[in-house]
């Protein structure tokens, strides 16, 4: 009898332990992992840092984004549309496009005294730019071609920080520079530079209603798929909040990450208000917007994108 009771106790203990272990395993995957580039996209996600079910990894440059797509390391990857589409077309990614969240964040600037009323002012001049063959450069080339400017001498550097460093000095050899937010606001506010600014989305408005840049890509095989939908709803609400109250939002996220505190709330608010660069558009409801951009890539350089992704690309 004692042996039977002992066996029952051991069995019950084993069952309880197994259930507890399963419960522990389940909670290990409760946080939705997001990878996002630094810059305007990180500002767009700033309010999600205090969400208990979200883990955000911010990165600098496209290499780690590409790795996240191929390794399926994150539930959500925020990345340039052209990168996500190209990897998907090449069967190097299963991630699907849920939404687009940044638009037209490409500006040409000149210092006070150097004219910049239109792109014609760039004819025969020197310009410094970043992101060769990436979205900023794609938009720049399209704008120059649209304006029939063929004699602007462009020097490329890897990142916008290098562009800023070489442009803002008094002895700079460059008349014009290609920049993006929040760097543009940093130049105006932190460095107190008086600048002429030309918004390239405005230049191309007759050709493209909007220029989508960063998208929200979802891993459809994620074990956190239900929570992903909740996080995307939170992201949408977060973007609505930052556009409705940019000053309050900027102050609220300062303590969320060192990146924000280094920029200051004034710079963040200015970046948010700069041409409505942060917005939320559901991808399936705006396929024509995405496809117009994809066609631009194909027309400009087939190495950027060979064909427009099929409808299965959209989440």
Protein backbone atom coordinates (compact mmCIF):
# COMPACT_ATOMS: atom_id res chain seq x y z
CA UNK A 1 0.00 0.00 0.00
CA UNK A 2 2.79 2.37 0.91
CA UNK A 3 4.46 1.62 -2.43
CA UNK A 4 1.24 2.44 -4.26
CA UNK A 5 0.83 5.73 -2.35
CA UNK A 6 4.48 6.61 -3.01
CA UNK A 7 4.01 5.93 -6.70
CA UNK A 8 0.90 8.12 -6.78
CA UNK A 9 2.72 10.95 -4.99
CA UNK A 10 5.67 10.72 -7.36
CA UNK A 11 3.36 10.69 -10.39
CA UNK A 12 1.47 13.73 -9.12
CA UNK A 13 4.73 15.53 -8.40
CA UNK A 14 6.01 14.72 -11.89
CA UNK A 15 2.76 15.96 -13.43
CA UNK A 16 2.83 19.23 -11.49
CA UNK A 17 6.50 19.75 -12.34
CA UNK A 18 5.84 19.09 -16.03
CA UNK A 19 2.95 21.53 -16.13
CA UNK A 20 5.07 24.16 -14.40
CA UNK A 21 7.89 23.56 -16.84
CA UNK A 22 5.54 23.93 -19.77
CA UNK A 23 4.27 27.15 -18.25
CA UNK A 24 7.82 28.44 -17.94
CA UNK A 25 8.61 27.54 -21.54
CA UNK A 26 5.51 29.37 -22.66
CA UNK A 27 6.42 32.56 -20.85
CA UNK A 28 9.90 32.57 -22.34
CA UNK A 29 8.37 33.67 -25.66
CA UNK A 30 5.88 36.20 -24.34
CA UNK A 31 7.77 39.32 -25.44
CA UNK A 32 7.42 40.43 -29.04
CA UNK A 33 10.94 41.10 -30.34
CA UNK A 34 11.29 44.08 -32.67
CA UNK A 35 14.36 45.20 -34.62
CA UNK A 36 14.35 48.83 -35.75
CA UNK A 37 16.97 51.17 -37.27
CA UNK A 38 18.08 54.30 -35.44
CA UNK A 39 16.66 57.59 -36.64
CA UNK A 40 13.11 58.57 -37.45
CA UNK A 41 11.86 54.96 -37.24
CA UNK A 42 13.11 54.63 -33.66
CA UNK A 43 11.26 57.83 -32.78
CA UNK A 44 8.12 56.25 -34.27
CA UNK A 45 8.46 53.35 -31.80
CA UNK A 46 9.59 55.42 -28.81
CA UNK A 47 6.34 55.04 -26.90
CA UNK A 48 6.47 51.24 -27.05
CA UNK A 49 9.51 50.98 -24.79
CA UNK A 50 7.29 50.98 -21.71
CA UNK A 51 5.12 48.13 -23.02
CA UNK A 52 5.82 45.01 -20.93
CA UNK A 53 5.31 42.59 -23.83
CA UNK A 54 7.75 44.34 -26.19
CA UNK A 55 11.52 44.03 -26.57
CA UNK A 56 13.14 46.52 -28.96
CA UNK A 57 16.60 46.16 -30.50
CA UNK A 58 17.77 49.31 -32.29
CA UNK A 59 20.55 49.02 -34.87
CA UNK A 60 22.62 51.23 -37.13
CA UNK A 61 22.92 50.25 -40.79
CA UNK A 62 21.28 47.64 -43.04
CA UNK A 63 23.52 44.61 -42.31
CA UNK A 64 21.80 43.55 -39.08
CA UNK A 65 18.38 44.16 -40.62
CA UNK A 66 19.19 41.76 -43.46
CA UNK A 67 20.45 39.21 -40.94
CA UNK A 68 17.23 39.50 -38.92
CA UNK A 69 15.15 38.78 -42.03
CA UNK A 70 17.15 35.69 -43.00
CA UNK A 71 17.59 34.28 -39.48
CA UNK A 72 14.00 35.01 -38.35
CA UNK A 73 15.47 36.33 -35.10
CA UNK A 74 12.68 38.85 -34.49
CA UNK A 75 8.90 38.80 -34.61
CA UNK A 76 8.82 42.21 -36.27
CA UNK A 77 11.50 43.93 -38.36
CA UNK A 78 11.20 47.62 -39.21
CA UNK A 79 13.16 48.13 -42.41
CA UNK A 80 13.30 50.00 -45.72
CA UNK A 81 10.63 48.78 -48.13
CA UNK A 82 13.16 48.01 -50.86
CA UNK A 83 15.19 45.76 -48.54
CA UNK A 84 12.19 43.75 -47.34
CA UNK A 85 10.79 43.39 -50.87
CA UNK A 86 14.08 42.33 -52.44
CA UNK A 87 14.77 39.65 -49.81
CA UNK A 88 11.21 38.36 -50.14
CA UNK A 89 11.43 38.18 -53.94
CA UNK A 90 14.73 36.30 -53.67
CA UNK A 91 13.23 33.78 -51.21
CA UNK A 92 15.64 34.98 -48.52
CA UNK A 93 12.83 36.18 -46.27
CA UNK A 94 9.35 35.05 -45.27
CA UNK A 95 8.50 38.36 -43.62
CA UNK A 96 5.37 40.06 -44.90
CA UNK A 97 4.66 43.78 -45.07
CA UNK A 98 2.03 44.84 -42.55
CA UNK A 99 2.24 48.60 -42.84
CA UNK A 100 4.31 51.62 -43.84
CA UNK A 101 5.28 54.10 -41.13
CA UNK A 102 7.75 56.66 -42.55
CA UNK A 103 7.44 58.72 -45.70
CA UNK A 104 9.46 61.23 -47.71
CA UNK A 105 12.23 61.77 -45.17
CA UNK A 106 14.75 63.14 -47.69
CA UNK A 107 15.91 66.75 -47.79
CA UNK A 108 18.51 68.82 -49.60
CA UNK A 109 20.02 71.64 -47.57
CA UNK A 110 22.34 74.57 -48.15
CA UNK A 111 23.79 77.13 -45.82
CA UNK A 112 22.45 80.67 -45.61
CA UNK A 113 23.67 82.58 -48.64
CA UNK A 114 23.75 79.56 -50.96
CA UNK A 115 20.56 79.63 -53.05
CA UNK A 116 18.16 76.69 -52.90
CA UNK A 117 14.81 77.69 -54.34
CA UNK A 118 14.66 74.67 -56.64
CA UNK A 119 16.83 71.80 -57.86
CA UNK A 120 18.05 73.99 -60.71
CA UNK A 121 20.27 75.69 -58.13
CA UNK A 122 22.28 72.44 -57.92
CA UNK A 123 23.37 72.62 -61.56
CA UNK A 124 27.17 72.63 -61.74
CA UNK A 125 27.54 72.50 -57.96
CA UNK A 126 29.03 70.01 -55.47
CA UNK A 127 26.86 67.96 -53.17
CA UNK A 128 27.51 65.48 -50.40
CA UNK A 129 25.08 62.60 -49.86
CA UNK A 130 24.57 59.32 -47.99
CA UNK A 131 22.91 55.97 -48.57
CA UNK A 132 24.06 55.25 -52.11
CA UNK A 133 21.56 52.91 -53.81
CA UNK A 134 19.36 53.06 -50.71
CA UNK A 135 16.10 55.00 -50.38
CA UNK A 136 17.64 58.48 -49.84
CA UNK A 137 19.80 58.13 -52.95
CA UNK A 138 16.95 56.59 -54.97
CA UNK A 139 14.74 59.57 -54.18
CA UNK A 140 17.56 62.04 -54.87
CA UNK A 141 18.31 60.55 -58.30
CA UNK A 142 14.63 60.49 -59.20
CA UNK A 143 14.26 64.16 -58.22
CA UNK A 144 17.35 65.20 -60.19
CA UNK A 145 16.19 63.26 -63.23
CA UNK A 146 12.67 64.69 -62.92
CA UNK A 147 14.15 68.21 -62.80
CA UNK A 148 16.58 67.41 -65.67
CA UNK A 149 19.68 68.18 -63.58
CA UNK A 150 22.63 66.19 -64.95
CA UNK A 151 25.70 68.15 -63.89
CA UNK A 152 25.55 68.09 -60.09
CA UNK A 153 28.71 66.47 -58.69
CA UNK A 154 27.69 64.09 -55.88
CA UNK A 155 30.09 62.57 -53.34
CA UNK A 156 28.69 59.69 -51.27
CA UNK A 157 29.46 58.66 -47.72
CA UNK A 158 28.13 55.69 -45.76
CA UNK A 159 26.13 57.53 -43.14
CA UNK A 160 24.35 60.82 -42.63
CA UNK A 161 26.57 61.63 -39.62
CA UNK A 162 29.62 61.76 -41.92
CA UNK A 163 27.71 64.04 -44.28
CA UNK A 164 26.88 66.40 -41.43
CA UNK A 165 30.45 66.47 -40.17
CA UNK A 166 31.84 67.38 -43.59
CA UNK A 167 29.09 69.84 -44.45
CA UNK A 168 28.72 71.98 -41.34
CA UNK A 169 32.32 73.23 -41.16
CA UNK A 170 33.06 76.76 -42.34
CA UNK A 171 35.65 75.39 -44.78
CA UNK A 172 33.36 72.78 -46.33
CA UNK A 173 33.92 72.24 -50.06
CA UNK A 174 30.31 71.17 -50.57
CA UNK A 175 27.56 73.60 -51.53
CA UNK A 176 24.69 71.24 -50.75
CA UNK A 177 23.99 68.15 -48.63
CA UNK A 178 21.42 65.36 -48.54
CA UNK A 179 20.05 64.78 -45.03
CA UNK A 180 17.10 63.22 -43.21
CA UNK A 181 15.26 63.74 -39.95
CA UNK A 182 16.12 63.88 -37.08
CA UNK A 183 19.53 65.10 -38.31
CA UNK A 184 17.95 68.06 -40.08
CA UNK A 185 16.37 69.26 -36.83
CA UNK A 186 19.64 68.71 -34.95
CA UNK A 187 21.46 70.98 -37.41
CA UNK A 188 18.87 73.72 -37.00
CA UNK A 189 18.38 73.46 -33.24
CA UNK A 190 21.50 71.96 -31.66
CA UNK A 191 24.04 73.57 -34.02
CA UNK A 192 21.92 76.69 -34.65
CA UNK A 193 22.58 76.57 -38.38
CA UNK A 194 20.53 78.78 -40.67
CA UNK A 195 19.63 76.55 -43.57
CA UNK A 196 17.74 76.55 -46.80
CA UNK A 197 15.73 73.33 -47.03
CA UNK A 198 14.20 71.59 -50.05
CA UNK A 199 11.81 68.68 -49.35
CA UNK A 200 12.26 66.11 -52.13
CA UNK A 201 8.82 64.61 -51.51
CA UNK A 202 7.44 68.04 -52.31
CA UNK A 203 9.58 68.18 -55.47
CA UNK A 204 8.14 64.86 -56.63
CA UNK A 205 4.54 65.40 -55.50
CA UNK A 206 3.22 65.60 -59.08
CA UNK A 207 4.82 62.24 -59.85
CA UNK A 208 4.29 60.39 -56.57
CA UNK A 209 1.59 61.16 -54.02
CA UNK A 210 3.89 59.94 -51.25
CA UNK A 211 7.26 58.21 -50.95
CA UNK A 212 7.08 55.28 -48.51
CA UNK A 213 10.36 54.42 -46.84
CA UNK A 214 10.22 52.18 -43.76
CA UNK A 215 7.77 49.34 -43.35
CA UNK A 216 6.66 47.02 -40.56
CA UNK A 217 7.51 43.44 -41.54
CA UNK A 218 5.98 40.53 -39.65
CA UNK A 219 7.25 36.95 -39.34
CA UNK A 220 4.09 34.93 -40.15
CA UNK A 221 5.61 31.86 -38.50
CA UNK A 222 6.14 33.59 -35.15
CA UNK A 223 4.90 31.84 -32.01
CA UNK A 224 3.78 35.26 -30.78
CA UNK A 225 1.46 35.97 -33.69
CA UNK A 226 -1.51 36.97 -31.48
CA UNK A 227 0.63 39.36 -29.49
CA UNK A 228 2.12 40.78 -32.70
CA UNK A 229 -1.33 41.98 -33.73
CA UNK A 230 -1.72 43.68 -30.35
CA UNK A 231 1.69 45.35 -30.64
CA UNK A 232 0.88 46.65 -34.12
CA UNK A 233 -2.33 48.15 -32.72
CA UNK A 234 -0.21 49.81 -30.02
CA UNK A 235 2.21 51.10 -32.66
CA UNK A 236 -0.65 52.61 -34.65
CA UNK A 237 -1.97 54.36 -31.53
CA UNK A 238 1.54 55.52 -30.67
CA UNK A 239 1.97 57.15 -34.10
CA UNK A 240 -1.41 58.85 -33.75
CA UNK A 241 -0.34 60.20 -30.36
CA UNK A 242 3.02 61.55 -31.52
CA UNK A 243 1.41 63.39 -34.43
CA UNK A 244 -1.38 64.80 -32.26
CA UNK A 245 0.95 65.92 -29.42
CA UNK A 246 4.57 66.00 -30.67
CA UNK A 247 5.91 68.11 -27.79
CA UNK A 248 4.31 65.98 -25.06
CA UNK A 249 5.29 62.74 -26.80
CA UNK A 250 8.89 63.89 -27.20
CA UNK A 251 9.15 64.72 -23.52
CA UNK A 252 7.57 61.39 -22.53
CA UNK A 253 10.10 59.24 -24.43
CA UNK A 254 13.24 61.06 -23.30
CA UNK A 255 13.73 58.61 -20.41
CA UNK A 256 12.97 55.53 -22.54
CA UNK A 257 16.32 55.29 -24.30
CA UNK A 258 19.69 57.03 -24.30
CA UNK A 259 19.24 57.76 -28.01
CA UNK A 260 16.29 60.05 -27.25
CA UNK A 261 17.90 61.86 -24.33
CA UNK A 262 20.95 62.61 -26.49
CA UNK A 263 18.72 64.30 -29.09
CA UNK A 264 16.61 66.41 -26.70
CA UNK A 265 12.84 66.69 -26.77
CA UNK A 266 12.95 69.87 -28.86
CA UNK A 267 14.79 68.10 -31.68
CA UNK A 268 12.46 65.09 -31.54
CA UNK A 269 9.33 67.29 -31.69
CA UNK A 270 10.78 69.23 -34.62
CA UNK A 271 11.57 66.00 -36.50
CA UNK A 272 8.02 64.71 -35.97
CA UNK A 273 6.52 67.94 -37.34
CA UNK A 274 8.82 68.02 -40.37
CA UNK A 275 6.60 67.24 -43.36
CA UNK A 276 4.52 64.55 -41.63
CA UNK A 277 7.34 62.01 -42.09
CA UNK A 278 5.85 59.57 -39.53
CA UNK A 279 2.47 58.12 -40.39
CA UNK A 280 0.72 54.77 -40.28
CA UNK A 281 -0.65 53.24 -43.48
CA UNK A 282 -1.93 49.69 -43.60
CA UNK A 283 -0.10 47.97 -46.45
CA UNK A 284 -3.04 45.97 -47.84
CA UNK A 285 -5.12 49.14 -48.00
CA UNK A 286 -2.32 51.04 -49.77
CA UNK A 287 -0.82 48.51 -52.17
CA UNK A 288 -0.86 51.10 -54.96
CA UNK A 289 1.39 53.39 -52.88
CA UNK A 290 3.91 50.60 -52.30
CA UNK A 291 3.78 49.40 -55.91
CA UNK A 292 4.36 52.91 -57.25
CA UNK A 293 7.54 53.04 -55.20
CA UNK A 294 8.57 49.52 -56.27
CA UNK A 295 8.10 50.51 -59.92
CA UNK A 296 10.37 53.49 -59.36
CA UNK A 297 13.08 51.10 -58.11
CA UNK A 298 12.68 48.81 -61.10
CA UNK A 299 12.81 51.70 -63.58
CA UNK A 300 15.83 53.28 -61.94
CA UNK A 301 17.96 50.18 -61.41
CA UNK A 302 16.84 46.52 -61.80
CA UNK A 303 19.52 45.56 -59.26
CA UNK A 304 17.44 47.33 -56.63
CA UNK A 305 14.33 45.30 -57.44
CA UNK A 306 13.60 42.99 -60.36
CA UNK A 307 9.81 42.81 -60.12
CA UNK A 308 6.92 43.99 -57.98
CA UNK A 309 6.18 41.52 -55.15
CA UNK A 310 3.04 39.40 -55.41
CA UNK A 311 0.00 39.94 -53.18
CA UNK A 312 1.32 37.23 -50.84
CA UNK A 313 3.97 39.77 -49.78
CA UNK A 314 1.36 41.67 -47.75
CA UNK A 315 0.47 40.55 -44.22
